[in-house]
Each structure stands twice: as structure tokens, then as C-alpha cells.
């Protein structure tokens, strides 16, 4: 398995653990606010980082790390993901995956084989087609992807691993009430995170000059939804 980016050390990507973070190329969403534009749109222009190179480095520096997190792009599009996670686990590290939730079969398999300890899922908008397609950059004919997202959410509801659901809150794409609606749809998951929008690298050029929601607005949303989850956080403010 090859990667297209590598952040050797992160203190935030896996909650409570020092992690190395690996980025896969390619994605089946085109979220207009995505900040990993090259990974999504031009992965073939990025140099490959071979998985064995990463594994060798991590093995040689095992004392530095507690976890590895695979993100993207969308990592579950890569059929080599389970085998690579198995290699990570064999080194004694915790394994995390960040996903858009469109491959429930892959997620279920990782859980069944105990290849993952932490799953973070980006939930883009309320779980109805009009809102979700706008937030994920989907077109007519891709409705099945939303159904797969819903299936993954059902799988994660009973998962015996750490689960974090996230929503990046973006003016023009979300209203505060939509975010509250989404939170109510997700009530009861162990952790829900509201993330501030970072406009400077947005995939959609028109969003790069967009002013994010004021912090006060995010705090007001948070105050309305925090009782729906054991942990509800604001990030990036």
C-alpha cells in the first residue's frame, strides 16, 4: 500500500496518543470546503510513499509512537488498508482510521478482524439528500453513497472501539439549525465534534474568501447540543 502524504508526528490526530499520520490519495466525495485538495483531485501528481518505508521507520522509532492514523482522501477506497493496519497492529501500535463512511463493508471488516482501535467519521450535513449532496459535492445518481453513510453510522453505533463523529461547519453550506438537526440525528454517539471551517485551502475557490461562522455562533450551537452526547467538543476555534 502506498501513501501520498505523511505527518510523522501528531499530538491531536488520535485523542490522547502520540501518532504518526498517513494520507491516502483519492476520494469519492468533492466537499467544497475540503482542504486536502491535491489528495482529492490530483493524487497521481503526488509522489508515492511506500508502506514498507513507513513501517520500517515506525519500527525503528517505536518508542516515539503510540498510534498510527490513516486518513485521506478516503482510505477505505484502498483494498490494501486491512493488511497495512495488520502490520501496524503487529508493531504494538493502536490503529486509527478517518473516513467519510461510504464503505461500510470495509469498516465492518476492520472491526470484525480487530484491526482498528479508533474510527473518526466526518458527517457532512443532516442525513437527507439535498443537504448532504450539497455538503459532499455529490451529483444525481450518487444517492447510494448517502445510504452507505447511514449504514456505516449504524455499524459504528455498536462498535467496541473509540468512535468520533465530526462536522465541519461552513457558512453557505450549513445553517446553525441544520447543525442542530444533524446532532439530534446522531444523539447518543460517544463523541461529537464541531469543527471550525478553514477557508484558505478550500477545494471550491469561491469559499476561500468566505468568513467562517463567528466563534460565538459555534458556542451557541454547542450549548444547544452538548447534552446529546457523552462528549461534545468545539475544535479549531
Protein backbone atom coordinates (compact mmCIF):
# COMPACT_ATOMS: atom_id res chain seq x y z
CA UNK A 1 0.00 0.00 0.00
CA UNK A 2 1.31 3.43 -0.98
CA UNK A 3 0.56 6.79 0.58
CA UNK A 4 0.57 10.35 -0.73
CA UNK A 5 1.42 12.22 2.45
CA UNK A 6 2.94 11.61 5.87
CA UNK A 7 2.88 13.72 9.00
CA UNK A 8 5.46 11.94 11.08
CA UNK A 9 4.22 13.11 14.47
CA UNK A 10 0.85 14.42 15.66
CA UNK A 11 -0.42 15.08 19.17
CA UNK A 12 -4.04 15.71 18.09
CA UNK A 13 -5.00 13.23 15.38
CA UNK A 14 -5.54 10.31 17.78
CA UNK A 15 -7.05 11.64 21.04
CA UNK A 16 -4.72 11.06 23.95
CA UNK A 17 -1.96 9.34 21.96
CA UNK A 18 1.15 10.34 20.03
CA UNK A 19 0.53 9.28 16.44
CA UNK A 20 2.07 9.16 13.02
CA UNK A 21 -0.44 10.20 10.34
CA UNK A 22 -0.60 8.76 6.82
CA UNK A 23 -2.58 10.22 3.92
CA UNK A 24 -4.05 8.19 1.06
CA UNK A 25 -4.91 9.70 -2.31
CA UNK A 26 -8.33 9.84 -3.97
CA UNK A 27 -11.84 10.39 -2.66
CA UNK A 28 -15.38 9.71 -3.84
CA UNK A 29 -16.64 12.99 -2.31
CA UNK A 30 -15.97 16.50 -3.54
CA UNK A 31 -16.74 18.51 -0.42
CA UNK A 32 -16.42 22.17 -1.45
CA UNK A 33 -14.76 23.03 1.88
CA UNK A 34 -12.17 20.21 1.74
CA UNK A 35 -8.66 21.45 2.49
CA UNK A 36 -6.79 18.40 1.12
CA UNK A 37 -7.37 19.47 -2.48
CA UNK A 38 -4.34 17.78 -4.05
CA UNK A 39 -5.06 14.48 -2.32
CA UNK A 40 -8.63 14.55 -3.63
CA UNK A 41 -8.22 15.97 -7.13
CA UNK A 42 -4.59 15.30 -8.14
CA UNK A 43 -3.30 12.29 -6.20
CA UNK A 44 -1.41 10.94 -9.21
CA UNK A 45 0.70 14.09 -9.27
CA UNK A 46 1.94 13.39 -5.75
CA UNK A 47 4.89 11.13 -5.09
CA UNK A 48 4.24 7.68 -3.65
CA UNK A 49 5.43 6.93 -0.14
CA UNK A 50 5.74 3.13 0.06
CA UNK A 51 4.10 1.44 3.00
CA UNK A 52 7.22 -0.64 3.78
CA UNK A 53 9.24 2.57 4.13
CA UNK A 54 6.79 3.87 6.71
CA UNK A 55 6.64 0.58 8.59
CA UNK A 56 10.43 0.39 8.73
CA UNK A 57 10.65 3.92 10.11
CA UNK A 58 7.97 3.30 12.72
CA UNK A 59 9.62 0.05 13.79
CA UNK A 60 12.98 1.76 14.16
CA UNK A 61 11.39 4.60 16.16
CA UNK A 62 8.83 2.53 18.04
CA UNK A 63 9.48 4.33 21.33
CA UNK A 64 8.23 7.62 19.84
CA UNK A 65 4.74 6.50 18.90
CA UNK A 66 1.61 5.05 20.42
CA UNK A 67 -0.61 5.02 17.34
CA UNK A 68 -0.88 5.38 13.57
CA UNK A 69 -3.82 7.10 11.88
CA UNK A 70 -4.77 6.56 8.24
CA UNK A 71 -6.62 9.46 6.65
CA UNK A 72 -7.01 10.92 3.19
CA UNK A 73 -8.54 11.39 0.79
CA UNK A 74 -10.71 8.41 1.64
CA UNK A 75 -8.60 5.50 2.95
CA UNK A 76 -11.32 2.84 2.68
CA UNK A 77 -11.14 3.08 -1.13
CA UNK A 78 -7.79 1.25 -0.88
CA UNK A 79 -8.16 -2.51 -0.68
CA UNK A 80 -4.71 -2.76 0.90
CA UNK A 81 -5.88 -0.96 4.03
CA UNK A 82 -6.69 -4.05 6.16
CA UNK A 83 -3.31 -5.66 5.51
CA UNK A 84 -1.46 -2.42 6.30
CA UNK A 85 -3.40 -1.96 9.53
CA UNK A 86 -2.48 -5.53 10.44
CA UNK A 87 1.18 -4.57 10.06
CA UNK A 88 0.63 -1.53 12.28
CA UNK A 89 -1.03 -3.66 14.94
CA UNK A 90 1.82 -6.19 14.78
CA UNK A 91 4.17 -3.39 15.88
CA UNK A 92 2.12 -2.91 19.03
CA UNK A 93 0.57 0.40 17.97
CA UNK A 94 -3.03 1.50 18.20
CA UNK A 95 -4.59 1.95 14.75
CA UNK A 96 -6.96 4.71 13.73
CA UNK A 97 -8.90 5.40 10.52
CA UNK A 98 -10.60 8.60 9.41
CA UNK A 99 -13.40 8.05 6.90
CA UNK A 100 -16.36 9.61 5.13
CA UNK A 101 -18.36 6.45 5.83
CA UNK A 102 -19.03 5.36 2.25
CA UNK A 103 -17.54 1.88 2.61
CA UNK A 104 -19.46 0.18 5.43
CA UNK A 105 -18.28 -3.27 4.30
CA UNK A 106 -14.66 -2.24 4.83
CA UNK A 107 -15.41 -0.66 8.22
CA UNK A 108 -17.31 -3.75 9.36
CA UNK A 109 -14.42 -5.97 8.29
CA UNK A 110 -11.84 -3.87 10.14
CA UNK A 111 -13.94 -4.10 13.28
CA UNK A 112 -14.57 -7.83 12.93
CA UNK A 113 -10.85 -8.53 12.46
CA UNK A 114 -9.90 -6.14 15.32
CA UNK A 115 -7.63 -4.17 13.01
CA UNK A 116 -8.72 -0.74 14.25
CA UNK A 117 -8.98 0.87 17.68
CA UNK A 118 -10.29 4.30 16.74
CA UNK A 119 -12.58 5.49 13.94
CA UNK A 120 -13.28 9.14 13.18
CA UNK A 121 -16.09 9.74 10.70
CA UNK A 122 -16.79 13.07 9.05
CA UNK A 123 -20.55 13.54 8.82
CA UNK A 124 -21.13 16.31 6.34
CA UNK A 125 -24.69 17.53 6.96
CA UNK A 126 -28.15 16.36 8.06
CA UNK A 127 -28.84 12.91 6.67
CA UNK A 128 -31.14 13.96 3.83
CA UNK A 129 -30.12 14.04 0.18
CA UNK A 130 -30.49 17.76 -0.53
CA UNK A 131 -28.35 18.84 2.41
CA UNK A 132 -25.83 16.00 2.18
CA UNK A 133 -25.26 16.25 -1.56
CA UNK A 134 -24.51 19.97 -1.26
CA UNK A 135 -22.03 19.42 1.56
CA UNK A 136 -20.32 16.39 0.00
CA UNK A 137 -20.29 17.62 -3.60
CA UNK A 138 -22.45 14.75 -4.85
CA UNK A 139 -24.49 14.61 -8.06
CA UNK A 140 -27.76 12.98 -9.00
CA UNK A 141 -27.14 9.27 -9.37
CA UNK A 142 -24.90 9.10 -6.32
CA UNK A 143 -27.70 8.73 -3.80
CA UNK A 144 -26.40 5.30 -2.81
CA UNK A 145 -23.39 6.96 -1.17
CA UNK A 146 -25.65 8.58 1.40
CA UNK A 147 -27.23 5.20 2.11
CA UNK A 148 -23.74 3.78 2.69
CA UNK A 149 -23.02 6.64 5.10
CA UNK A 150 -26.13 5.72 7.07
CA UNK A 151 -25.08 2.05 7.14
CA UNK A 152 -21.66 2.96 8.49
CA UNK A 153 -23.26 5.06 11.21
CA UNK A 154 -25.34 2.06 12.25
CA UNK A 155 -22.23 -0.13 12.35
CA UNK A 156 -20.37 2.40 14.49
CA UNK A 157 -23.24 2.74 16.92
CA UNK A 158 -22.41 -0.63 18.43
CA UNK A 159 -18.67 -0.68 17.81
CA UNK A 160 -16.39 -1.66 20.69
CA UNK A 161 -13.73 0.88 19.70
CA UNK A 162 -13.28 4.61 20.17
CA UNK A 163 -15.65 6.47 17.82
CA UNK A 164 -15.64 10.16 17.00
CA UNK A 165 -18.14 11.86 14.69
CA UNK A 166 -17.24 15.26 13.25
CA UNK A 167 -18.95 18.01 11.33
CA UNK A 168 -17.11 20.96 9.79
CA UNK A 169 -19.48 23.93 9.98
CA UNK A 170 -19.43 26.12 6.86
CA UNK A 171 -21.45 29.26 6.04
CA UNK A 172 -23.43 28.96 2.74
CA UNK A 173 -23.46 25.18 3.21
CA UNK A 174 -24.85 24.90 6.74
CA UNK A 175 -27.20 26.91 8.86
CA UNK A 176 -26.93 26.68 12.64
CA UNK A 177 -30.30 24.92 12.69
CA UNK A 178 -29.05 22.28 10.25
CA UNK A 179 -26.15 21.50 12.55
CA UNK A 180 -28.56 21.13 15.47
CA UNK A 181 -30.71 18.84 13.32
CA UNK A 182 -27.71 16.68 12.49
CA UNK A 183 -26.69 16.48 16.13
CA UNK A 184 -30.16 15.26 17.06
CA UNK A 185 -29.93 12.59 14.36
CA UNK A 186 -26.65 11.44 15.88
CA UNK A 187 -27.67 11.63 19.52
CA UNK A 188 -26.00 9.09 21.78
CA UNK A 189 -22.71 8.53 19.96
CA UNK A 190 -19.76 8.75 22.35
CA UNK A 191 -18.12 11.87 20.92
CA UNK A 192 -19.32 14.59 18.55
CA UNK A 193 -17.04 17.39 17.37
CA UNK A 194 -17.94 20.68 15.71
CA UNK A 195 -15.01 21.84 13.60
CA UNK A 196 -14.39 25.41 12.51
CA UNK A 197 -14.12 25.94 8.76
CA UNK A 198 -10.66 26.93 7.43
CA UNK A 199 -11.26 28.79 4.13
CA UNK A 200 -7.77 29.34 2.80
CA UNK A 201 -7.32 25.96 1.05
CA UNK A 202 -10.95 25.10 0.27
CA UNK A 203 -11.50 22.95 -2.81
CA UNK A 204 -14.17 25.35 -4.06
CA UNK A 205 -12.37 28.63 -4.90
CA UNK A 206 -15.43 30.73 -4.04
CA UNK A 207 -15.20 29.55 -0.44
CA UNK A 208 -11.60 30.67 0.02
CA UNK A 209 -12.70 34.25 0.73
CA UNK A 210 -15.62 33.20 2.93
CA UNK A 211 -15.60 34.33 6.55
CA UNK A 212 -16.19 31.39 8.93
CA UNK A 213 -19.02 31.46 11.44
CA UNK A 214 -18.17 33.63 14.46
CA UNK A 215 -16.92 31.65 17.43
CA UNK A 216 -19.95 32.88 19.38
CA UNK A 217 -22.24 31.15 16.85
CA UNK A 218 -20.41 27.85 17.24
CA UNK A 219 -20.57 28.15 21.00
CA UNK A 220 -24.31 28.78 20.80
CA UNK A 221 -24.77 25.67 18.65
CA UNK A 222 -22.63 23.73 21.11
CA UNK A 223 -24.77 24.88 24.02
CA UNK A 224 -27.87 23.51 22.26
CA UNK A 225 -26.43 20.08 21.52
CA UNK A 226 -23.86 19.25 24.19
CA UNK A 227 -26.34 17.26 26.29
CA UNK A 228 -26.96 14.89 23.36
CA UNK A 229 -23.53 13.24 23.67
CA UNK A 230 -21.26 11.97 26.44
CA UNK A 231 -18.60 14.24 24.92
CA UNK A 232 -19.29 17.19 22.66
CA UNK A 233 -16.40 19.42 21.61
CA UNK A 234 -15.51 22.50 19.61
CA UNK A 235 -12.33 22.27 17.56
CA UNK A 236 -10.32 24.80 15.61
CA UNK A 237 -11.65 27.95 17.27
